[in-house]
Amino acid sequence: MISGCTGSVLCSLPAPAANQRAGLYSAVRMLGRAWVTSGPGKMAQKLALWRLLSLAPRTLPPPRPWAGLPQRVPHGPLVSPGPTAPGRALATPAGCGSTFNVQDGSDFQDRVVNNPKPVVVDFHAQWCGPCKILGPRLEKMVAKQEGKVLMAKVDIDDHTDLAIEYEVSAVPTVLAMKNGDVVDKFVGIKDEDQLEAFLRKLIGA
């Protein structure tokens, strides 16, 4: 099992299970390990949990209403929030330019897969040192393209399902997507000249 950062270039993730034949038993063994709050181990546990849930789907019963509690009518008129109260979906500032954080799978589908513009997707993690170097560098180069390409940032700890779907095994991993398809990819740190060539290739593809 490979884990940790290699040569300050990329951080590899441990495999979620030994192999597919191990199936449910491998997922159970991984879930039995000591829990951690962050790092590659957390990602491995999430991958194992995802595998476990996919192998043994369950249907949750509908929530029951509270029993034995009388309905209480509030005193005074209800006050609705003012027009300046922001919602969670508006957490991204308006001046973020060509870069945005992916909120969930539906947001990824709408703003990346269905986007008419080409999009580079930066899969990263808070505990990954190389990600903190590549991220700002890539944002800078995307901004230089003056809106011809967008950048989506995906935290693999928050969006494990997307990391699994796009077979992310190390971070940082950057995908180049156009019309919903992955047309190019790289793993690890690149310098500005390499990033510019990567973006220009995507724009002209």
Protein backbone atom coordinates (compact mmCIF):
# COMPACT_ATOMS: atom_id res chain seq x y z
CA MET A 1 0.00 0.00 0.00
CA ILE A 2 1.42 3.32 -1.09
CA SER A 3 0.68 6.47 0.86
CA GLY A 4 2.14 9.86 1.58
CA CYS A 5 3.91 12.41 -0.58
CA THR A 6 6.78 11.38 -2.83
CA GLY A 7 9.56 13.85 -3.54
CA SER A 8 7.26 16.83 -2.84
CA VAL A 9 5.70 16.25 -6.27
CA LEU A 10 2.53 14.30 -5.53
CA CYS A 11 0.71 12.48 -2.71
CA SER A 12 -0.38 8.91 -3.44
CA LEU A 13 -3.54 7.49 -1.90
CA PRO A 14 -3.69 3.99 -0.33
CA ALA A 15 -5.84 1.49 -2.22
CA PRO A 16 -9.34 1.09 -0.70
CA ALA A 17 -9.20 -2.72 -0.87
CA ALA A 18 -6.80 -5.51 -1.83
CA ASN A 19 -8.77 -6.37 -4.96
CA GLN A 20 -12.31 -6.67 -6.23
CA ARG A 21 -12.56 -10.34 -5.22
CA ALA A 22 -12.07 -9.32 -1.62
CA GLY A 23 -15.20 -7.18 -2.03
CA LEU A 24 -17.17 -6.61 1.11
CA TYR A 25 -14.62 -8.31 3.40
CA SER A 26 -11.85 -5.91 2.38
CA ALA A 27 -14.11 -2.95 3.03
CA VAL A 28 -15.02 -4.27 6.47
CA ARG A 29 -11.37 -4.82 7.38
CA MET A 30 -10.48 -1.25 6.38
CA LEU A 31 -13.40 0.18 8.35
CA GLY A 32 -12.12 -1.67 11.41
CA ARG A 33 -8.90 0.32 11.48
CA ALA A 34 -8.33 3.33 13.74
CA TRP A 35 -10.11 6.42 12.44
CA VAL A 36 -8.15 9.56 11.63
CA THR A 37 -9.34 13.11 11.06
CA SER A 38 -7.40 13.87 7.89
CA GLY A 39 -4.76 12.59 5.47
CA PRO A 40 -4.54 9.62 3.07
CA GLY A 41 -5.93 7.27 5.73
CA LYS A 42 -9.17 9.22 5.86
CA MET A 43 -9.49 9.02 2.09
CA ALA A 44 -8.92 5.24 2.19
CA GLN A 45 -11.63 4.85 4.81
CA LYS A 46 -14.06 6.86 2.70
CA LEU A 47 -13.26 4.72 -0.34
CA ALA A 48 -13.86 1.60 1.73
CA LEU A 49 -17.14 2.93 3.06
CA TRP A 50 -18.23 3.80 -0.47
CA ARG A 51 -17.41 0.24 -1.59
CA LEU A 52 -19.31 -1.19 1.40
CA LEU A 53 -22.41 0.89 0.70
CA SER A 54 -22.34 0.00 -3.00
CA LEU A 55 -22.13 -3.72 -2.21
CA ALA A 56 -24.88 -3.68 0.40
CA PRO A 57 -27.41 -1.01 -0.54
CA ARG A 58 -30.05 -0.22 2.03
CA THR A 59 -33.27 1.73 1.93
CA LEU A 60 -33.80 4.03 4.89
CA PRO A 61 -37.33 4.22 6.31
CA PRO A 62 -39.13 7.56 6.01
CA PRO A 63 -38.72 9.83 9.05
CA ARG A 64 -41.52 9.58 11.62
CA PRO A 65 -43.18 12.69 13.04
CA TRP A 66 -42.46 13.50 16.65
CA ALA A 67 -44.98 11.74 18.86
CA GLY A 68 -46.45 13.12 22.06
CA LEU A 69 -45.37 16.72 21.43
CA PRO A 70 -48.16 19.27 20.91
CA GLN A 71 -47.96 21.71 18.04
CA ARG A 72 -46.93 25.14 19.29
CA VAL A 73 -47.91 28.34 17.54
CA PRO A 74 -45.19 31.01 17.77
CA HIS A 75 -46.14 34.29 19.39
CA GLY A 76 -45.94 37.27 17.08
CA PRO A 77 -45.48 37.40 13.31
CA LEU A 78 -42.89 35.29 11.53
CA VAL A 79 -39.94 37.28 10.24
CA SER A 80 -38.41 36.13 6.97
CA PRO A 81 -34.71 36.72 6.34
CA GLY A 82 -33.83 39.85 4.42
CA PRO A 83 -32.67 39.84 0.82
CA THR A 84 -29.05 40.11 1.93
CA ALA A 85 -29.06 36.75 3.77
CA PRO A 86 -26.85 34.48 1.64
CA GLY A 87 -27.62 30.80 1.13
CA ARG A 88 -25.10 27.99 1.15
CA ALA A 89 -25.23 27.67 -2.62
CA LEU A 90 -24.05 31.30 -2.90
CA ALA A 91 -20.98 30.75 -0.75
CA THR A 92 -18.62 31.32 -3.68
CA PRO A 93 -17.88 35.04 -4.00
CA ALA A 94 -19.00 36.75 -7.18
CA GLY A 95 -15.49 37.96 -7.95
CA CYS A 96 -13.92 34.54 -8.07
CA GLY A 97 -13.24 34.96 -11.80
CA SER A 98 -12.63 31.77 -13.75
CA THR A 99 -12.11 29.52 -10.69
CA PHE A 100 -14.80 27.93 -8.52
CA ASN A 101 -15.14 25.26 -5.83
CA VAL A 102 -17.35 22.28 -6.64
CA GLN A 103 -20.16 22.02 -4.07
CA ASP A 104 -21.55 18.54 -4.86
CA GLY A 105 -22.15 16.04 -7.65
CA SER A 106 -25.01 18.04 -9.15
CA ASP A 107 -22.87 21.19 -9.15
CA PHE A 108 -20.07 19.26 -10.90
CA GLN A 109 -22.52 18.04 -13.54
CA ASP A 110 -23.90 21.52 -14.20
CA ARG A 111 -20.70 23.59 -14.08
CA VAL A 112 -18.14 21.10 -15.43
CA VAL A 113 -19.71 18.29 -17.48
CA ASN A 114 -22.40 20.46 -19.09
CA ASN A 115 -20.26 23.58 -19.44
CA PRO A 116 -19.83 24.79 -23.04
CA LYS A 117 -16.36 26.07 -22.12
CA PRO A 118 -13.36 23.81 -21.48
CA VAL A 119 -12.71 23.18 -17.79
CA VAL A 120 -9.62 22.04 -15.89
CA VAL A 121 -10.50 20.06 -12.76
CA ASP A 122 -8.02 20.24 -9.87
CA PHE A 123 -8.43 17.24 -7.53
CA HIS A 124 -6.63 18.19 -4.30
CA ALA A 125 -6.60 17.70 -0.52
CA GLN A 126 -5.94 20.02 2.42
CA TRP A 127 -3.21 17.70 3.78
CA CYS A 128 -1.35 17.57 0.42
CA GLY A 129 1.70 19.86 0.31
CA PRO A 130 2.23 19.69 -3.47
CA CYS A 131 -1.44 20.65 -3.98
CA LYS A 132 -0.83 23.93 -2.14
CA ILE A 133 1.96 24.71 -4.61
CA LEU A 134 0.17 23.71 -7.81
CA GLY A 135 -3.25 25.17 -6.97
CA PRO A 136 -2.34 28.90 -6.90
CA ARG A 137 0.01 28.44 -9.86
CA LEU A 138 -2.72 26.82 -11.94
CA GLU A 139 -5.26 29.49 -10.92
CA LYS A 140 -2.84 32.19 -12.08
CA MET A 141 -2.36 30.56 -15.48
CA VAL A 142 -6.11 30.00 -15.93
CA ALA A 143 -6.77 33.68 -15.17
CA LYS A 144 -4.32 34.63 -17.94
CA GLN A 145 -6.54 32.87 -20.49
CA GLU A 146 -9.17 35.62 -20.01
CA GLY A 147 -12.22 33.39 -19.63
CA LYS A 148 -11.41 30.96 -22.44
CA VAL A 149 -11.04 28.15 -19.88
CA LEU A 150 -12.44 27.62 -16.37
CA MET A 151 -10.99 25.89 -13.31
CA ALA A 152 -12.98 23.65 -10.96
CA LYS A 153 -11.49 22.71 -7.58
CA VAL A 154 -12.51 19.38 -6.04
CA ASP A 155 -11.47 18.41 -2.50
CA ILE A 156 -11.22 14.61 -2.55
CA ASP A 157 -12.05 14.34 1.16
CA ASP A 158 -15.35 16.17 0.60
CA HIS A 159 -16.17 14.58 -2.76
CA THR A 160 -14.93 10.99 -2.57
CA ASP A 161 -17.52 9.85 -5.12
CA LEU A 162 -16.04 12.13 -7.80
CA ALA A 163 -12.50 10.97 -6.97
CA ILE A 164 -13.62 7.35 -7.43
CA GLU A 165 -15.55 8.07 -10.63
CA TYR A 166 -12.53 9.75 -12.25
CA GLU A 167 -10.03 7.20 -10.86
CA VAL A 168 -7.95 9.64 -8.84
CA SER A 169 -5.15 7.67 -7.16
CA ALA A 170 -2.84 10.56 -6.24
CA VAL A 171 -3.08 14.30 -5.68
CA PRO A 172 -2.76 16.75 -7.20
CA THR A 173 -4.49 15.29 -10.27
CA VAL A 174 -5.63 17.73 -12.97
CA LEU A 175 -8.11 16.73 -15.68
CA ALA A 176 -8.77 18.70 -18.86
CA MET A 177 -12.44 18.35 -19.80
CA LYS A 178 -14.25 19.51 -22.91
CA ASN A 179 -17.90 18.83 -23.75
CA GLY A 180 -18.09 16.53 -20.73
CA ASP A 181 -15.16 14.32 -21.80
CA VAL A 182 -11.68 14.02 -20.32
CA VAL A 183 -9.30 14.97 -23.12
CA ASP A 184 -6.05 15.32 -21.16
CA LYS A 185 -4.62 14.74 -17.69
CA PHE A 186 -1.52 15.12 -15.53
CA VAL A 187 -0.50 14.17 -12.00
CA GLY A 188 1.92 16.13 -9.79
CA ILE A 189 3.45 19.58 -9.99
CA LYS A 190 4.06 21.45 -13.27
CA ASP A 191 5.84 24.75 -13.85
CA GLU A 192 4.10 27.74 -15.41
CA ASP A 193 5.36 27.07 -18.93
CA GLN A 194 4.07 23.49 -18.79
CA LEU A 195 0.72 24.65 -17.42
CA GLU A 196 0.35 27.27 -20.15
CA ALA A 197 1.06 24.66 -22.83
CA PHE A 198 -1.47 22.33 -21.17
CA LEU A 199 -4.16 25.03 -21.19
CA ARG A 200 -3.48 26.21 -24.73
CA LYS A 201 -3.73 22.62 -25.95
CA LEU A 202 -7.11 22.30 -24.21
CA ILE A 203 -8.43 25.57 -25.65
CA GLY A 204 -7.36 24.60 -29.15
CA ALA A 205 -8.50 20.96 -28.89
